[in-house]
């Protein structure tokens, strides 16, 4: 892949497929489970569900099958995250753990950069609580 050519969202799934998103979300949630800020936001009995929902969302968002929409409907990201206190500390931790999770994957650097730019934008958008 030419690193000077802008990456389109639909190119991401074509490049890394289901496996890339599965590896990324597994590595991410492995960290979240142990995290003192993000871990308590998740019910102990639904880690697999949380991982599946994020994976399905990312697959859909970046050009893959539309399972997320079929199961959950419109993403409504702000509404779904409103019950949680999302401040700069939780936002930054989410991004840190996702950045670390990339290191366990074979996702190529240009795709990582594209995904991380998306994650950063969404993390700021979802922040719903002042510090």
Protein backbone atom coordinates (compact mmCIF):
# COMPACT_ATOMS: atom_id res chain seq x y z
CA UNK A 1 0.00 0.00 0.00
CA UNK A 2 1.34 3.41 -0.95
CA UNK A 3 1.66 5.37 2.31
CA UNK A 4 1.17 8.67 0.47
CA UNK A 5 -2.28 7.69 -0.78
CA UNK A 6 -5.08 8.59 1.62
CA UNK A 7 -6.82 5.58 3.10
CA UNK A 8 -10.57 5.39 2.67
CA UNK A 9 -12.66 3.84 5.45
CA UNK A 10 -13.79 1.00 3.17
CA UNK A 11 -10.14 0.16 2.46
CA UNK A 12 -9.58 -0.71 6.11
CA UNK A 13 -11.76 -3.83 6.13
CA UNK A 14 -10.37 -4.85 2.74
CA UNK A 15 -6.83 -4.62 4.18
CA UNK A 16 -7.22 -6.22 7.63
CA UNK A 17 -10.52 -8.12 7.43
CA UNK A 18 -12.46 -9.57 10.31
CA UNK A 19 -9.29 -11.06 11.76
CA UNK A 20 -7.59 -7.70 12.16
CA UNK A 21 -10.53 -6.26 14.06
CA UNK A 22 -10.85 -9.44 16.15
CA UNK A 23 -7.18 -9.25 17.15
CA UNK A 24 -7.41 -5.55 17.95
CA UNK A 25 -10.53 -5.76 20.10
CA UNK A 26 -9.24 -8.86 21.94
CA UNK A 27 -5.97 -7.11 22.78
CA UNK A 28 -7.86 -3.97 23.82
CA UNK A 29 -10.32 -5.70 26.15
CA UNK A 30 -7.53 -7.76 27.70
CA UNK A 31 -6.17 -4.43 28.92
CA UNK A 32 -9.53 -2.89 29.82
CA UNK A 33 -10.34 -5.81 32.16
CA UNK A 34 -7.27 -4.96 34.23
CA UNK A 35 -7.68 -1.19 34.09
CA UNK A 36 -8.70 0.73 37.21
CA UNK A 37 -10.45 3.51 35.25
CA UNK A 38 -12.18 1.71 32.38
CA UNK A 39 -12.65 -1.77 33.83
CA UNK A 40 -15.32 -0.78 36.38
CA UNK A 41 -17.49 0.67 33.59
CA UNK A 42 -18.15 -2.84 32.27
CA UNK A 43 -20.32 -5.53 33.86
CA UNK A 44 -18.18 -8.50 34.91
CA UNK A 45 -20.46 -10.96 33.17
CA UNK A 46 -20.43 -9.32 29.72
CA UNK A 47 -16.81 -8.97 28.63
CA UNK A 48 -17.38 -11.16 25.57
CA UNK A 49 -20.45 -9.12 24.64
CA UNK A 50 -18.57 -5.84 24.97
CA UNK A 51 -15.76 -7.13 22.78
CA UNK A 52 -18.21 -8.45 20.19
CA UNK A 53 -20.13 -5.16 20.05
CA UNK A 54 -16.98 -3.09 19.49
CA UNK A 55 -15.68 -5.56 16.90
CA UNK A 56 -18.99 -5.62 15.04
CA UNK A 57 -19.19 -1.83 15.11
CA UNK A 58 -15.67 -1.41 13.74
CA UNK A 59 -16.19 -4.05 11.05
CA UNK A 60 -19.37 -2.28 9.92
CA UNK A 61 -17.89 1.22 10.17
CA UNK A 62 -14.86 0.33 8.10
CA UNK A 63 -16.49 -1.49 5.22
CA UNK A 64 -17.33 -4.98 6.40
CA UNK A 65 -20.57 -6.85 7.07
CA UNK A 66 -23.39 -4.92 8.71
CA UNK A 67 -23.90 -7.24 11.70
CA UNK A 68 -23.77 -4.33 14.13
CA UNK A 69 -26.71 -2.61 12.45
CA UNK A 70 -28.66 -5.84 12.21
CA UNK A 71 -28.18 -6.61 15.92
CA UNK A 72 -28.17 -3.14 17.49
CA UNK A 73 -29.54 -0.65 14.99
CA UNK A 74 -28.12 2.84 14.52
CA UNK A 75 -24.94 3.29 16.58
CA UNK A 76 -26.17 6.38 18.50
CA UNK A 77 -22.75 6.61 20.07
CA UNK A 78 -23.40 9.53 22.41
CA UNK A 79 -26.66 8.09 23.64
CA UNK A 80 -25.18 4.66 24.30
CA UNK A 81 -22.29 6.17 26.27
CA UNK A 82 -24.26 8.78 28.22
CA UNK A 83 -24.69 6.61 31.37
CA UNK A 84 -20.91 6.63 31.90
CA UNK A 85 -18.75 9.43 33.23
CA UNK A 86 -16.42 10.03 30.30
CA UNK A 87 -13.93 12.73 31.16
CA UNK A 88 -10.47 13.48 29.81
CA UNK A 89 -8.94 10.87 32.12
CA UNK A 90 -11.13 8.03 30.83
CA UNK A 91 -10.83 9.32 27.26
CA UNK A 92 -7.04 9.40 27.42
CA UNK A 93 -6.87 5.97 29.07
CA UNK A 94 -9.13 4.49 26.37
CA UNK A 95 -6.81 5.86 23.71
CA UNK A 96 -3.70 4.67 25.56
CA UNK A 97 -5.01 1.12 25.87
CA UNK A 98 -6.11 1.05 22.25
CA UNK A 99 -2.69 2.32 21.19
CA UNK A 100 -1.06 -0.48 23.20
CA UNK A 101 -3.47 -3.03 21.71
CA UNK A 102 -2.28 -2.16 18.21
CA UNK A 103 1.17 -3.42 19.18
CA UNK A 104 -0.23 -6.97 19.49
CA UNK A 105 -1.65 -6.95 15.97
CA UNK A 106 -0.34 -7.27 12.44
CA UNK A 107 -2.30 -4.19 11.35
CA UNK A 108 -0.07 -2.17 8.99
CA UNK A 109 1.07 1.27 10.22
CA UNK A 110 -0.96 3.30 7.68
CA UNK A 111 -4.14 1.48 8.75
CA UNK A 112 -3.22 1.93 12.44
CA UNK A 113 -2.83 5.66 11.88
CA UNK A 114 -6.15 5.87 10.08
CA UNK A 115 -7.96 3.93 12.80
CA UNK A 116 -6.30 5.84 15.61
CA UNK A 117 -7.30 9.17 14.06
CA UNK A 118 -10.89 7.91 14.01
CA UNK A 119 -10.65 6.67 17.62
CA UNK A 120 -9.26 10.01 18.75
CA UNK A 121 -12.05 11.96 17.08
CA UNK A 122 -14.73 9.70 18.55
CA UNK A 123 -13.16 9.69 22.03
CA UNK A 124 -13.27 13.48 22.12
CA UNK A 125 -16.83 13.48 20.77
CA UNK A 126 -18.01 11.07 23.47
CA UNK A 127 -16.51 12.98 26.38
CA UNK A 128 -19.57 13.97 28.40
CA UNK A 129 -18.21 15.14 31.72
CA UNK A 130 -15.90 18.01 32.70
CA UNK A 131 -12.73 17.19 34.58
